[in-house]
């Protein structure tokens, strides 16, 4: 979920959002947990992005790409959840840019 500047950085870091799966869970999900389309990672599995656990990790720890978010709506849901988690309101930042 990194932006292009971080992806191209010589620091070799990426922002990662851990995933879990919806199947088999009995607890209620938090508003910061965004369900992704079935099959995004594994066939017949509904992955859930846990945006409250964003972390920065070294690219050296990544073995392979888990998947790609193709739907703009899903990407926007994840971005909104991350902004809400950190208390960032874009409307309040507009005048400062």
N, C-alpha and C. Protein backbone atom coordinates (compact mmCIF):
# COMPACT_ATOMS: atom_id res chain seq x y z
N UNK A 1 0.83 -1.19 0.00
CA UNK A 1 0.00 0.00 0.00
C UNK A 1 0.88 1.24 0.00
N UNK A 2 2.12 1.13 -0.41
CA UNK A 2 3.04 2.26 -0.43
C UNK A 2 2.77 3.16 -1.62
N UNK A 3 3.14 4.44 -1.46
CA UNK A 3 3.06 5.32 -2.62
C UNK A 3 4.30 5.12 -3.49
N UNK A 4 4.26 5.65 -4.70
CA UNK A 4 5.34 5.43 -5.65
C UNK A 4 6.68 5.98 -5.15
N UNK A 5 6.66 7.11 -4.45
CA UNK A 5 7.91 7.70 -3.96
C UNK A 5 8.62 6.75 -2.99
N UNK A 6 7.85 6.14 -2.09
CA UNK A 6 8.46 5.19 -1.14
C UNK A 6 8.92 3.94 -1.88
N UNK A 7 8.15 3.49 -2.85
CA UNK A 7 8.53 2.30 -3.60
C UNK A 7 9.86 2.47 -4.34
N UNK A 8 10.14 3.68 -4.81
CA UNK A 8 11.37 3.94 -5.56
C UNK A 8 12.52 4.43 -4.68
N UNK A 9 12.26 4.61 -3.41
CA UNK A 9 13.24 5.14 -2.48
C UNK A 9 14.43 4.19 -2.33
N UNK A 10 15.64 4.73 -2.16
CA UNK A 10 16.80 3.88 -1.91
C UNK A 10 16.75 3.21 -0.52
N UNK A 11 15.80 3.60 0.30
CA UNK A 11 15.67 3.00 1.63
C UNK A 11 15.18 1.56 1.59
N UNK A 12 14.62 1.12 0.45
CA UNK A 12 14.13 -0.25 0.29
C UNK A 12 13.05 -0.59 1.32
N UNK A 13 12.09 0.35 1.50
CA UNK A 13 11.00 0.15 2.44
C UNK A 13 9.66 0.18 1.73
N UNK A 14 8.67 -0.49 2.30
CA UNK A 14 7.29 -0.43 1.83
C UNK A 14 6.36 -0.33 3.02
N UNK A 15 5.20 0.27 2.80
CA UNK A 15 4.15 0.27 3.82
C UNK A 15 3.29 -0.96 3.58
N UNK A 16 3.11 -1.75 4.61
CA UNK A 16 2.36 -3.00 4.48
C UNK A 16 1.13 -2.97 5.38
N UNK A 17 0.06 -3.56 4.87
CA UNK A 17 -1.17 -3.73 5.64
C UNK A 17 -1.40 -5.23 5.80
N UNK A 18 -1.35 -5.73 7.02
CA UNK A 18 -1.57 -7.17 7.22
C UNK A 18 -2.98 -7.58 6.79
N UNK A 19 -3.09 -8.82 6.35
CA UNK A 19 -4.38 -9.38 5.94
C UNK A 19 -4.74 -10.56 6.83
N UNK A 20 -6.01 -10.77 7.00
CA UNK A 20 -6.54 -11.98 7.62
C UNK A 20 -7.63 -12.48 6.69
N UNK A 21 -8.26 -13.59 7.02
CA UNK A 21 -9.35 -14.04 6.17
C UNK A 21 -10.66 -13.98 6.93
N UNK A 22 -11.71 -13.72 6.21
CA UNK A 22 -13.04 -13.59 6.80
C UNK A 22 -13.58 -14.94 7.26
N UNK A 23 -13.32 -15.96 6.49
CA UNK A 23 -13.85 -17.29 6.77
C UNK A 23 -13.37 -17.81 8.12
N UNK A 24 -14.31 -18.34 8.89
CA UNK A 24 -13.96 -18.94 10.18
C UNK A 24 -13.91 -17.97 11.33
N UNK A 25 -14.06 -16.68 11.10
CA UNK A 25 -14.01 -15.69 12.18
C UNK A 25 -15.39 -15.55 12.81
N UNK A 26 -15.42 -15.51 14.13
CA UNK A 26 -16.69 -15.34 14.84
C UNK A 26 -16.80 -13.97 15.49
N UNK A 27 -15.70 -13.26 15.59
CA UNK A 27 -15.73 -11.93 16.21
C UNK A 27 -16.28 -10.89 15.24
N UNK A 28 -16.71 -9.77 15.79
CA UNK A 28 -17.16 -8.66 14.94
C UNK A 28 -15.95 -7.95 14.38
N UNK A 29 -16.07 -7.51 13.16
CA UNK A 29 -14.96 -6.79 12.54
C UNK A 29 -15.04 -5.31 12.87
N UNK A 30 -13.88 -4.68 12.93
CA UNK A 30 -13.78 -3.25 13.21
C UNK A 30 -13.98 -2.47 11.91
N UNK A 31 -14.33 -1.18 12.04
CA UNK A 31 -14.52 -0.35 10.85
C UNK A 31 -13.21 -0.16 10.09
N UNK A 32 -12.08 -0.40 10.74
CA UNK A 32 -10.78 -0.26 10.09
C UNK A 32 -10.38 -1.53 9.33
N UNK A 33 -11.21 -2.56 9.37
CA UNK A 33 -10.93 -3.81 8.66
C UNK A 33 -11.80 -3.85 7.40
N UNK A 34 -11.14 -3.84 6.26
CA UNK A 34 -11.83 -3.72 4.98
C UNK A 34 -11.81 -5.05 4.24
N UNK A 35 -12.98 -5.65 3.98
CA UNK A 35 -13.00 -6.89 3.20
C UNK A 35 -12.61 -6.62 1.75
N UNK A 36 -11.79 -7.48 1.20
CA UNK A 36 -11.36 -7.37 -0.19
C UNK A 36 -12.15 -8.37 -1.03
N UNK A 37 -12.14 -8.21 -2.34
CA UNK A 37 -12.89 -9.15 -3.18
C UNK A 37 -12.41 -10.59 -3.00
N UNK A 38 -13.35 -11.52 -3.00
CA UNK A 38 -13.04 -12.95 -2.91
C UNK A 38 -12.05 -13.31 -4.02
N UNK A 39 -11.02 -14.08 -3.65
CA UNK A 39 -10.04 -14.52 -4.64
C UNK A 39 -8.90 -13.55 -4.89
N UNK A 40 -8.86 -12.41 -4.19
CA UNK A 40 -7.77 -11.45 -4.38
C UNK A 40 -6.42 -12.09 -4.06
N UNK A 41 -6.38 -12.91 -3.02
CA UNK A 41 -5.14 -13.55 -2.59
C UNK A 41 -5.18 -15.05 -2.88
N UNK A 42 -6.24 -15.71 -2.43
CA UNK A 42 -6.41 -17.16 -2.64
C UNK A 42 -7.80 -17.41 -3.19
N UNK A 43 -7.97 -18.42 -4.04
CA UNK A 43 -9.31 -18.73 -4.55
C UNK A 43 -10.26 -19.06 -3.39
N UNK A 44 -11.49 -18.59 -3.49
CA UNK A 44 -12.56 -18.91 -2.54
C UNK A 44 -12.32 -18.36 -1.13
N UNK A 45 -11.38 -17.43 -0.97
CA UNK A 45 -11.09 -16.84 0.34
C UNK A 45 -11.34 -15.34 0.27
N UNK A 46 -12.00 -14.80 1.31
CA UNK A 46 -12.24 -13.37 1.40
C UNK A 46 -11.19 -12.75 2.33
N UNK A 47 -10.17 -12.10 1.77
CA UNK A 47 -9.18 -11.46 2.63
C UNK A 47 -9.73 -10.17 3.24
N UNK A 48 -9.23 -9.82 4.41
CA UNK A 48 -9.64 -8.60 5.09
C UNK A 48 -8.37 -7.80 5.42
N UNK A 49 -8.32 -6.55 4.93
CA UNK A 49 -7.19 -5.67 5.20
C UNK A 49 -7.36 -5.04 6.58
N UNK A 50 -6.38 -5.23 7.44
CA UNK A 50 -6.42 -4.70 8.80
C UNK A 50 -5.66 -3.37 8.83
N UNK A 51 -6.36 -2.30 8.41
CA UNK A 51 -5.69 -1.01 8.23
C UNK A 51 -5.22 -0.37 9.53
N UNK A 52 -5.68 -0.85 10.66
CA UNK A 52 -5.23 -0.33 11.96
C UNK A 52 -3.85 -0.90 12.33
N UNK A 53 -3.31 -1.78 11.49
CA UNK A 53 -2.00 -2.38 11.76
C UNK A 53 -0.97 -2.05 10.67
N UNK A 54 -1.09 -0.88 10.07
CA UNK A 54 -0.13 -0.46 9.04
C UNK A 54 1.28 -0.47 9.63
N UNK A 55 2.22 -0.98 8.86
CA UNK A 55 3.62 -0.98 9.32
C UNK A 55 4.55 -0.78 8.14
N UNK A 56 5.73 -0.29 8.42
CA UNK A 56 6.75 -0.13 7.40
C UNK A 56 7.73 -1.28 7.55
N UNK A 57 8.01 -1.96 6.44
CA UNK A 57 8.93 -3.10 6.49
C UNK A 57 9.93 -3.01 5.35
N UNK A 58 11.01 -3.72 5.50
CA UNK A 58 12.04 -3.78 4.47
C UNK A 58 11.55 -4.63 3.30
N UNK A 59 11.87 -4.19 2.09
CA UNK A 59 11.54 -4.97 0.90
C UNK A 59 12.24 -6.33 0.93
N UNK A 60 13.34 -6.43 1.65
CA UNK A 60 14.08 -7.69 1.72
C UNK A 60 13.26 -8.78 2.42
N UNK A 61 12.27 -8.40 3.21
CA UNK A 61 11.42 -9.38 3.91
C UNK A 61 10.31 -9.93 3.02
N UNK A 62 10.08 -9.30 1.88
CA UNK A 62 8.99 -9.72 1.00
C UNK A 62 9.46 -10.84 0.09
N UNK A 63 8.69 -11.90 0.04
CA UNK A 63 9.05 -13.05 -0.80
C UNK A 63 8.42 -12.94 -2.18
N UNK A 64 7.15 -12.57 -2.22
CA UNK A 64 6.45 -12.42 -3.50
C UNK A 64 5.22 -11.55 -3.29
N UNK A 65 4.69 -11.02 -4.37
CA UNK A 65 3.48 -10.21 -4.28
C UNK A 65 2.30 -11.11 -3.91
N UNK A 66 1.50 -10.65 -2.96
CA UNK A 66 0.35 -11.44 -2.52
C UNK A 66 -0.85 -11.21 -3.45
N UNK A 67 -0.92 -10.05 -4.05
CA UNK A 67 -2.04 -9.73 -4.92
C UNK A 67 -2.00 -8.26 -5.28
N UNK A 68 -3.00 -7.84 -6.02
CA UNK A 68 -3.07 -6.45 -6.45
C UNK A 68 -4.52 -5.99 -6.37
N UNK A 69 -4.73 -4.81 -5.82
CA UNK A 69 -6.08 -4.25 -5.74
C UNK A 69 -6.39 -3.54 -7.05
N UNK A 70 -7.30 -4.09 -7.80
CA UNK A 70 -7.65 -3.51 -9.08
C UNK A 70 -8.83 -2.54 -8.99
N UNK A 71 -9.69 -2.74 -8.00
CA UNK A 71 -10.89 -1.91 -7.90
C UNK A 71 -10.57 -0.60 -7.18
N UNK A 72 -10.82 0.50 -7.85
CA UNK A 72 -10.57 1.82 -7.28
C UNK A 72 -11.36 2.02 -5.99
N UNK A 73 -12.62 1.54 -5.97
CA UNK A 73 -13.46 1.71 -4.79
C UNK A 73 -12.82 1.06 -3.57
N UNK A 74 -12.28 -0.14 -3.73
CA UNK A 74 -11.64 -0.85 -2.61
C UNK A 74 -10.40 -0.10 -2.14
N UNK A 75 -9.59 0.38 -3.08
CA UNK A 75 -8.40 1.17 -2.70
C UNK A 75 -8.81 2.41 -1.92
N UNK A 76 -9.86 3.07 -2.37
CA UNK A 76 -10.31 4.28 -1.68
C UNK A 76 -10.84 3.95 -0.28
N UNK A 77 -11.51 2.81 -0.11
CA UNK A 77 -11.98 2.40 1.22
C UNK A 77 -10.78 2.21 2.16
N UNK A 78 -9.74 1.58 1.66
CA UNK A 78 -8.55 1.34 2.47
C UNK A 78 -7.87 2.67 2.81
N UNK A 79 -7.73 3.54 1.83
CA UNK A 79 -7.12 4.86 2.09
C UNK A 79 -7.92 5.63 3.12
N UNK A 80 -9.25 5.63 2.99
CA UNK A 80 -10.10 6.34 3.96
C UNK A 80 -9.95 5.77 5.37
N UNK A 81 -9.87 4.45 5.48
CA UNK A 81 -9.71 3.81 6.78
C UNK A 81 -8.36 4.18 7.41
N UNK A 82 -7.31 4.23 6.60
CA UNK A 82 -5.98 4.61 7.12
C UNK A 82 -6.01 6.06 7.60
N UNK A 83 -6.57 6.95 6.80
CA UNK A 83 -6.64 8.37 7.19
C UNK A 83 -7.44 8.53 8.49
N UNK A 84 -8.55 7.81 8.60
CA UNK A 84 -9.37 7.90 9.81
C UNK A 84 -8.60 7.38 11.02
N UNK A 85 -7.85 6.32 10.84
CA UNK A 85 -7.08 5.72 11.94
C UNK A 85 -6.07 6.72 12.52
N UNK A 86 -5.47 7.52 11.64
CA UNK A 86 -4.48 8.49 12.08
C UNK A 86 -5.08 9.87 12.36
N UNK A 87 -6.39 9.98 12.24
CA UNK A 87 -7.07 11.25 12.52
C UNK A 87 -6.78 12.33 11.50
N UNK A 88 -6.56 11.95 10.26
CA UNK A 88 -6.25 12.91 9.21
C UNK A 88 -7.53 13.22 8.43
N UNK A 89 -7.87 14.50 8.39
CA UNK A 89 -9.02 14.94 7.62
C UNK A 89 -8.50 15.76 6.45
N UNK A 90 -8.70 15.27 5.24
CA UNK A 90 -8.15 15.94 4.06
C UNK A 90 -8.70 17.34 3.88
N UNK A 91 -9.98 17.56 4.23
CA UNK A 91 -10.56 18.89 4.08
C UNK A 91 -9.79 19.92 4.91
N UNK A 92 -9.31 19.52 6.09
CA UNK A 92 -8.58 20.45 6.95
C UNK A 92 -7.17 20.72 6.44
N UNK A 93 -6.66 19.88 5.55
CA UNK A 93 -5.31 20.05 5.02
C UNK A 93 -5.28 20.89 3.75
N UNK A 94 -6.41 21.06 3.08
CA UNK A 94 -6.44 21.72 1.77
C UNK A 94 -5.82 23.09 1.82
N UNK A 95 -6.14 23.90 2.81
CA UNK A 95 -5.62 25.26 2.89
C UNK A 95 -4.14 25.32 3.20
N UNK A 96 -3.57 24.25 3.71
CA UNK A 96 -2.16 24.23 4.09
C UNK A 96 -1.25 23.83 2.96
N UNK A 97 -1.77 23.26 1.87
CA UNK A 97 -0.94 22.78 0.78
C UNK A 97 -0.50 23.86 -0.14
